[in-house]
């Protein structure tokens, strides 16, 4: 069985935040039982339990509710189009996935097709994008996965006949590396999905598909790979196995996935870019007599451009204005996003002067935009 690991993310410019509003009313999320073990579950589009009145999906199944395990055949139907089967498959009496599983998009296009055996992928699997274009196919034997072919969302084939570069996005963490004969080869690394610099958090090395060693913030390890080649998000119906209640009630505002603005080459290079922008102006002024600081505030636009820079507490407004003019020459940043959509974000930078030297620190402000 794959070993699970947790990465503690410290505060950084690439932080991802989930924001929601507190519930305003008591919620009524129920299982609808029919007979001894037949149930109807009301699910949202993420396959989480939700109130009947705003469900997107209804699962018709058999279950052992005491152990929270499905058994027998199930079907997930589109609540607004009850003849449309979104996913279907079978569980053993012990709650293990077995046999053929199918899933479809809301438009009826096939999303995935493949087999399970003893709760593990078995044989050949094929996955597709919503426009019917192929996404990937892989083979599995006794839980060991070999990626045969993979196409990105733009249709570019990045893995051909088991060879190429493959990445698997798992919400906040993405694994990426080379494949040879469908198996990991060379050095693989995991990074924050939101980090455009892809700075490594975990690395693992492979030789001919065999795990050699890994390194994480907790230290080096050789007891087994942590890589996940096929994530739950590729087969969303698997989330229903958790019997997890949606954190958002009907008509709720929901979670907002926030990614702060960031510099394409990383925070260290952004610091250097600020220095390079400021220093030509510093050569024209004398700061030796100052022992003080000021804050320049502004906004990062949806394009990633610094705008609306002002300084209201300057001990020397002329120097502050000179700094502002120079900061406008900074290159574009990758803008902040809320649920993947670019949004404006407040930005401030504090300059401190002491004995002819200066230093600075910058800060991205919390995003207050509502859904």
Protein backbone atom coordinates (compact mmCIF):
# COMPACT_ATOMS: atom_id res chain seq x y z
CA UNK A 1 0.00 0.00 0.00
CA UNK A 2 1.23 3.48 -0.80
CA UNK A 3 2.57 5.38 2.15
CA UNK A 4 0.90 8.69 2.77
CA UNK A 5 2.83 11.79 3.68
CA UNK A 6 1.96 15.26 4.84
CA UNK A 7 3.87 18.39 3.93
CA UNK A 8 3.51 21.32 6.27
CA UNK A 9 3.35 24.46 4.19
CA UNK A 10 4.83 27.56 5.75
CA UNK A 11 3.60 31.03 4.90
CA UNK A 12 4.94 32.12 1.53
CA UNK A 13 4.12 34.12 -1.55
CA UNK A 14 2.54 31.06 -3.14
CA UNK A 15 0.21 30.22 -0.26
CA UNK A 16 -3.12 28.68 -1.17
CA UNK A 17 -5.96 29.59 1.15
CA UNK A 18 -9.49 28.24 1.45
CA UNK A 19 -12.00 30.81 2.63
CA UNK A 20 -15.62 30.29 3.52
CA UNK A 21 -18.36 31.91 5.53
CA UNK A 22 -19.74 30.37 8.74
CA UNK A 23 -23.00 28.45 8.40
CA UNK A 24 -26.09 30.52 9.08
CA UNK A 25 -28.59 27.73 9.73
CA UNK A 26 -28.87 24.17 10.99
CA UNK A 27 -28.31 21.71 8.17
CA UNK A 28 -30.32 18.60 7.33
CA UNK A 29 -28.17 16.17 5.37
CA UNK A 30 -29.63 12.67 5.45
CA UNK A 31 -29.23 9.19 4.01
CA UNK A 32 -32.43 7.98 2.42
CA UNK A 33 -32.72 4.26 3.17
CA UNK A 34 -34.94 1.85 1.25
CA UNK A 35 -35.37 -1.57 2.80
CA UNK A 36 -32.51 -3.24 4.64
CA UNK A 37 -29.44 -1.80 2.91
CA UNK A 38 -30.55 0.15 -0.18
CA UNK A 39 -29.84 3.88 -0.03
CA UNK A 40 -30.15 7.06 -2.06
CA UNK A 41 -27.44 9.63 -1.44
CA UNK A 42 -27.75 13.28 -2.45
CA UNK A 43 -24.36 14.51 -3.65
CA UNK A 44 -22.93 17.74 -5.02
CA UNK A 45 -20.72 17.88 -8.12
CA UNK A 46 -17.71 17.00 -5.93
CA UNK A 47 -19.43 13.82 -4.74
CA UNK A 48 -19.92 15.18 -1.22
CA UNK A 49 -23.14 14.67 0.73
CA UNK A 50 -25.47 17.67 0.60
CA UNK A 51 -29.11 18.62 1.22
CA UNK A 52 -31.61 16.98 -1.14
CA UNK A 53 -32.88 20.32 -2.41
CA UNK A 54 -29.61 21.32 -4.07
CA UNK A 55 -28.06 17.98 -5.02
CA UNK A 56 -26.44 17.59 -8.44
CA UNK A 57 -26.11 13.81 -8.25
CA UNK A 58 -28.16 11.01 -6.69
CA UNK A 59 -26.37 7.73 -5.93
CA UNK A 60 -28.50 4.59 -5.91
CA UNK A 61 -26.59 1.90 -4.05
CA UNK A 62 -26.40 -0.65 -1.27
CA UNK A 63 -24.28 0.11 1.76
CA UNK A 64 -23.22 -1.00 5.20
CA UNK A 65 -23.81 2.34 6.90
CA UNK A 66 -22.30 1.23 10.19
CA UNK A 67 -18.96 0.65 8.46
CA UNK A 68 -19.58 3.32 5.80
CA UNK A 69 -18.89 0.94 2.95
CA UNK A 70 -20.74 0.40 -0.32
CA UNK A 71 -21.56 -3.10 -1.53
CA UNK A 72 -23.04 -4.44 -4.72
CA UNK A 73 -23.78 -2.39 -7.82
CA UNK A 74 -24.31 1.38 -7.77
CA UNK A 75 -25.33 4.09 -10.21
CA UNK A 76 -24.89 7.85 -9.97
CA UNK A 77 -27.59 9.76 -11.84
CA UNK A 78 -27.75 13.40 -12.85
CA UNK A 79 -30.53 14.74 -10.62
CA UNK A 80 -31.68 17.22 -13.25
CA UNK A 81 -31.59 14.54 -15.95
CA UNK A 82 -32.44 11.25 -14.20
CA UNK A 83 -31.88 9.12 -17.31
CA UNK A 84 -28.23 10.24 -17.50
CA UNK A 85 -25.88 7.84 -15.70
CA UNK A 86 -22.76 9.72 -14.53
CA UNK A 87 -20.92 6.77 -13.01
CA UNK A 88 -21.49 3.11 -12.23
CA UNK A 89 -19.65 0.14 -10.85
CA UNK A 90 -19.70 -2.67 -8.30
CA UNK A 91 -18.39 -3.32 -4.79
CA UNK A 92 -17.88 -6.67 -3.08
CA UNK A 93 -19.75 -7.47 0.13
CA UNK A 94 -16.57 -6.38 1.95
CA UNK A 95 -16.70 -2.94 0.29
CA UNK A 96 -13.92 -3.47 -2.27
CA UNK A 97 -14.20 -2.14 -5.81
CA UNK A 98 -14.42 -4.92 -8.37
CA UNK A 99 -15.09 -5.27 -12.08
CA UNK A 100 -15.92 -2.60 -14.64
CA UNK A 101 -16.27 1.07 -13.57
CA UNK A 102 -17.49 3.81 -15.92
CA UNK A 103 -17.86 7.56 -15.50
CA UNK A 104 -19.28 10.25 -17.76
CA UNK A 105 -19.37 14.02 -17.92
CA UNK A 106 -22.62 15.97 -17.63
CA UNK A 107 -22.77 16.20 -21.43
CA UNK A 108 -22.73 12.41 -21.70
CA UNK A 109 -19.14 12.10 -22.94
CA UNK A 110 -17.13 9.22 -21.51
CA UNK A 111 -14.76 10.35 -18.75
CA UNK A 112 -13.16 7.06 -17.70
CA UNK A 113 -13.40 3.33 -18.24
CA UNK A 114 -11.53 0.54 -16.52
CA UNK A 115 -11.53 -2.36 -14.10
CA UNK A 116 -10.81 -2.85 -10.42
CA UNK A 117 -9.74 -6.02 -8.64
CA UNK A 118 -9.55 -6.20 -4.85
CA UNK A 119 -9.92 -2.41 -4.72
CA UNK A 120 -6.92 -1.81 -7.01
CA UNK A 121 -6.72 -0.72 -10.63
CA UNK A 122 -6.60 -3.78 -12.87
CA UNK A 123 -5.83 -4.08 -16.57
CA UNK A 124 -6.21 -1.27 -19.08
CA UNK A 125 -7.78 2.10 -18.21
CA UNK A 126 -8.69 4.96 -20.55
CA UNK A 127 -9.55 8.55 -19.59
CA UNK A 128 -10.91 11.38 -21.74
CA UNK A 129 -11.45 15.13 -21.64
CA UNK A 130 -14.97 16.56 -21.77
CA UNK A 131 -14.56 17.32 -25.50
CA UNK A 132 -14.06 13.57 -26.18
CA UNK A 133 -10.32 14.04 -26.78
CA UNK A 134 -8.10 11.38 -25.15
CA UNK A 135 -6.44 12.26 -21.85
CA UNK A 136 -4.49 9.15 -20.95
CA UNK A 137 -4.38 5.40 -20.87
CA UNK A 138 -2.53 3.18 -18.43
CA UNK A 139 -2.18 -0.45 -17.45
CA UNK A 140 -2.23 -1.85 -13.93
CA UNK A 141 -1.05 -5.25 -12.72
CA UNK A 142 -1.40 -6.07 -9.01
CA UNK A 143 -1.51 -2.37 -8.19
CA UNK A 144 1.57 -1.43 -10.24
CA UNK A 145 0.71 1.30 -12.74
CA UNK A 146 2.35 1.89 -16.13
CA UNK A 147 1.42 5.08 -17.98
CA UNK A 148 1.18 4.37 -21.72
CA UNK A 149 0.07 7.70 -23.22
CA UNK A 150 -0.87 11.13 -21.90
CA UNK A 151 -2.16 14.33 -23.53
CA UNK A 152 -2.39 17.67 -21.72
CA UNK A 153 -5.53 19.84 -21.80
CA UNK A 154 -4.28 21.62 -24.95
CA UNK A 155 -3.97 18.32 -26.79
CA UNK A 156 -0.18 18.08 -26.64
CA UNK A 157 1.05 14.52 -26.18
CA UNK A 158 3.64 14.53 -23.41
CA UNK A 159 3.90 10.74 -22.93
CA UNK A 160 4.11 8.50 -25.99
CA UNK A 161 4.18 4.73 -25.65
CA UNK A 162 5.41 4.95 -22.06
CA UNK A 163 8.11 7.55 -22.63
CA UNK A 164 7.98 11.27 -21.83
CA UNK A 165 7.28 13.78 -19.06
CA UNK A 166 4.25 13.23 -16.83
CA UNK A 167 2.72 15.27 -14.02
CA UNK A 168 -0.13 14.43 -11.66
CA UNK A 169 -1.91 17.30 -9.93
CA UNK A 170 -3.34 16.38 -6.53
CA UNK A 171 -5.09 19.58 -5.40
CA UNK A 172 -2.27 21.35 -3.54
CA UNK A 173 0.64 19.10 -4.53
CA UNK A 174 1.84 18.04 -8.01
CA UNK A 175 4.23 15.20 -8.83
CA UNK A 176 6.32 15.54 -11.99
CA UNK A 177 9.06 13.58 -13.70
CA UNK A 178 10.15 11.42 -16.62
CA UNK A 179 8.68 8.08 -17.59
CA UNK A 180 10.49 5.24 -19.31
CA UNK A 181 8.54 2.15 -20.32
CA UNK A 182 5.60 3.70 -18.47
CA UNK A 183 7.42 3.80 -15.11
CA UNK A 184 9.11 6.65 -13.19
CA UNK A 185 12.74 7.12 -14.17
CA UNK A 186 15.48 9.46 -12.98
CA UNK A 187 14.55 12.24 -10.54
CA UNK A 188 10.93 13.06 -9.71
CA UNK A 189 9.79 15.93 -7.55
CA UNK A 190 6.69 17.20 -5.80
CA UNK A 191 5.89 20.91 -5.60
CA UNK A 192 3.01 23.16 -4.61
CA UNK A 193 0.55 23.13 -7.49
CA UNK A 194 0.16 26.90 -7.20
CA UNK A 195 3.93 27.53 -7.38
CA UNK A 196 4.86 28.66 -10.91
CA UNK A 197 8.55 28.12 -10.09
CA UNK A 198 7.88 24.44 -9.27
CA UNK A 199 10.25 24.60 -6.29
CA UNK A 200 10.77 21.06 -5.00
CA UNK A 201 9.28 20.00 -1.68
CA UNK A 202 9.98 16.28 -2.10
CA UNK A 203 12.31 14.48 -4.52
CA UNK A 204 12.63 10.81 -5.39
CA UNK A 205 15.09 8.96 -7.61
CA UNK A 206 14.40 5.89 -9.76
CA UNK A 207 16.44 3.49 -11.87
CA UNK A 208 14.68 1.38 -14.50
CA UNK A 209 11.38 1.99 -12.74
CA UNK A 210 12.67 0.91 -9.33
CA UNK A 211 12.56 3.35 -6.41
CA UNK A 212 16.02 4.16 -5.02
CA UNK A 213 15.60 6.88 -2.40
CA UNK A 214 13.66 10.01 -1.53
CA UNK A 215 14.10 13.27 0.34
CA UNK A 216 11.46 15.40 2.10
CA UNK A 217 11.39 18.15 4.74
CA UNK A 218 11.24 15.35 7.32
CA UNK A 219 14.50 13.85 6.03
CA UNK A 220 15.71 11.18 3.62
CA UNK A 221 13.86 7.88 3.20
CA UNK A 222 14.38 4.55 1.45
CA UNK A 223 11.38 2.60 2.74
CA UNK A 224 9.23 3.17 -0.35
CA UNK A 225 7.97 5.67 -2.89
CA UNK A 226 5.42 8.36 -2.01
CA UNK A 227 4.52 9.09 -5.64
CA UNK A 228 0.88 8.96 -6.69
CA UNK A 229 0.54 8.50 -10.45
CA UNK A 230 -3.27 8.44 -10.61
CA UNK A 231 -5.02 10.84 -8.24
CA UNK A 232 -8.54 10.75 -6.87
CA UNK A 233 -9.44 13.92 -8.78
CA UNK A 234 -9.18 11.96 -12.05
CA UNK A 235 -12.01 9.68 -10.88
CA UNK A 236 -14.24 11.99 -8.80
CA UNK A 237 -16.80 9.29 -7.97
CA UNK A 238 -14.23 7.77 -5.59
CA UNK A 239 -14.85 10.67 -3.18
CA UNK A 240 -18.30 9.29 -2.40
CA UNK A 241 -16.60 6.46 -0.48
CA UNK A 242 -15.70 8.96 2.24
CA UNK A 243 -19.37 9.77 3.01
CA UNK A 244 -18.12 13.32 3.53
CA UNK A 245 -20.62 16.13 4.10
CA UNK A 246 -20.13 19.24 1.98
CA UNK A 247 -18.79 22.18 3.97
CA UNK A 248 -21.12 24.45 1.99
CA UNK A 249 -24.88 24.31 2.46
CA UNK A 250 -27.45 25.03 -0.24
CA UNK A 251 -27.03 28.56 -1.58
CA UNK A 252 -23.84 28.94 0.49
CA UNK A 253 -20.92 31.02 -0.70
CA UNK A 254 -18.57 28.06 -0.67
CA UNK A 255 -14.86 27.73 -0.36
CA UNK A 256 -12.65 30.08 -2.29
CA UNK A 257 -9.27 28.75 -3.36
CA UNK A 258 -6.88 31.68 -3.20
CA UNK A 259 -3.43 31.74 -4.77
CA UNK A 260 -1.39 34.88 -4.06
CA UNK A 261 0.47 36.77 -6.76
CA UNK A 262 3.99 35.54 -7.39
CA UNK A 263 7.07 36.28 -9.45
CA UNK A 264 7.75 33.76 -12.22
CA UNK A 265 11.34 33.22 -11.15
CA UNK A 266 10.65 32.98 -7.42
CA UNK A 267 10.76 35.23 -4.35
CA UNK A 268 14.55 35.58 -4.31
CA UNK A 269 14.64 36.86 -7.88
CA UNK A 270 11.77 39.25 -7.10
CA UNK A 271 13.88 40.72 -4.30
CA UNK A 272 16.70 41.21 -6.79
CA UNK A 273 14.30 42.81 -9.27
CA UNK A 274 13.22 45.33 -6.62
CA UNK A 275 16.85 46.14 -5.81
CA UNK A 276 17.67 46.59 -9.49
CA UNK A 277 14.71 48.93 -9.91
CA UNK A 278 15.53 51.08 -6.85
CA UNK A 279 19.31 51.40 -6.97
CA UNK A 280 19.61 53.68 -10.04
CA UNK A 281 17.49 56.25 -8.21
CA UNK A 282 19.41 55.80 -4.94
CA UNK A 283 22.56 56.97 -6.70
CA UNK A 284 20.93 60.37 -7.12
CA UNK A 285 19.99 60.97 -3.45
CA UNK A 286 21.78 61.00 -0.10
CA UNK A 287 20.19 58.71 2.52
CA UNK A 288 23.00 58.83 5.10
CA UNK A 289 21.15 61.18 7.43
CA UNK A 290 17.96 59.13 7.59
CA UNK A 291 17.02 56.69 10.33
CA UNK A 292 13.39 56.01 9.48
CA UNK A 293 11.04 54.06 7.23
CA UNK A 294 8.06 54.47 4.94
CA UNK A 295 5.50 52.13 3.38
CA UNK A 296 4.49 52.16 -0.27
CA UNK A 297 1.10 50.56 -0.89
CA UNK A 298 -0.60 49.61 -4.10
CA UNK A 299 -2.35 46.92 -6.04
CA UNK A 300 -1.44 44.07 -8.36
CA UNK A 301 -3.88 44.04 -11.26
CA UNK A 302 -5.50 41.03 -12.90
CA UNK A 303 -2.66 41.25 -15.45
CA UNK A 304 -0.02 41.07 -12.72
CA UNK A 305 1.00 44.73 -13.04
CA UNK A 306 1.81 46.95 -10.04
CA UNK A 307 -0.67 49.84 -9.99
CA UNK A 308 -1.98 52.64 -7.75
CA UNK A 309 1.27 52.95 -5.77
CA UNK A 310 1.10 55.58 -3.01
CA UNK A 311 2.98 56.54 0.15
CA UNK A 312 1.13 58.46 2.86
CA UNK A 313 3.63 58.29 5.73
CA UNK A 314 6.87 59.31 4.03
CA UNK A 315 9.47 61.18 6.09
CA UNK A 316 10.68 62.44 2.71
CA UNK A 317 7.97 62.49 0.06
CA UNK A 318 10.43 63.24 -2.73
CA UNK A 319 12.39 60.04 -2.07
CA UNK A 320 9.16 58.06 -1.74
CA UNK A 321 7.92 59.38 -5.09
CA UNK A 322 11.27 58.47 -6.65
CA UNK A 323 10.93 54.91 -5.36
CA UNK A 324 7.37 54.71 -6.70
CA UNK A 325 8.48 55.76 -10.17
CA UNK A 326 11.15 53.05 -10.15
CA UNK A 327 8.82 50.33 -8.86
CA UNK A 328 6.54 50.84 -11.84
CA UNK A 329 9.38 49.42 -13.96
CA UNK A 330 9.14 46.01 -12.27
CA UNK A 331 8.21 43.14 -14.62
CA UNK A 332 4.74 41.63 -14.54
CA UNK A 333 3.93 39.14 -11.80
CA UNK A 334 1.68 36.11 -12.10
CA UNK A 335 -1.58 37.60 -10.75
CA UNK A 336 -3.47 36.29 -7.76
CA UNK A 337 -6.38 33.97 -8.48
CA UNK A 338 -9.63 33.09 -6.72
CA UNK A 339 -10.89 29.69 -7.83
CA UNK A 340 -8.57 29.93 -10.81
CA UNK A 341 -9.81 33.38 -11.95
CA UNK A 342 -7.30 36.30 -11.88
CA UNK A 343 -8.19 38.94 -9.28
CA UNK A 344 -6.70 42.15 -7.90
CA UNK A 345 -4.57 41.94 -4.78
CA UNK A 346 -3.27 44.57 -2.41
CA UNK A 347 0.49 44.92 -2.05
CA UNK A 348 2.74 46.92 0.25
CA UNK A 349 6.48 47.25 0.64
CA UNK A 350 8.23 48.74 3.67
CA UNK A 351 11.58 50.49 3.17
CA UNK A 352 13.79 50.98 6.23
CA UNK A 353 16.77 53.39 6.25
CA UNK A 354 19.59 53.29 8.79
CA UNK A 355 23.13 54.72 8.71
CA UNK A 356 23.24 55.07 4.95
CA UNK A 357 21.88 51.58 4.27
CA UNK A 358 18.39 50.46 3.35
CA UNK A 359 16.37 47.26 3.50
CA UNK A 360 12.85 46.30 2.49
CA UNK A 361 10.17 43.70 2.98
CA UNK A 362 7.01 43.22 0.96
CA UNK A 363 3.62 41.77 1.78
CA UNK A 364 0.64 40.55 -0.23
CA UNK A 365 -2.59 41.60 1.44
CA UNK A 366 -5.54 39.26 2.11
CA UNK A 367 -7.97 39.01 -0.78
CA UNK A 368 -11.46 40.10 0.22
CA UNK A 369 -13.24 39.38 -3.04
CA UNK A 370 -16.44 37.39 -2.56
CA UNK A 371 -17.80 34.70 -4.83
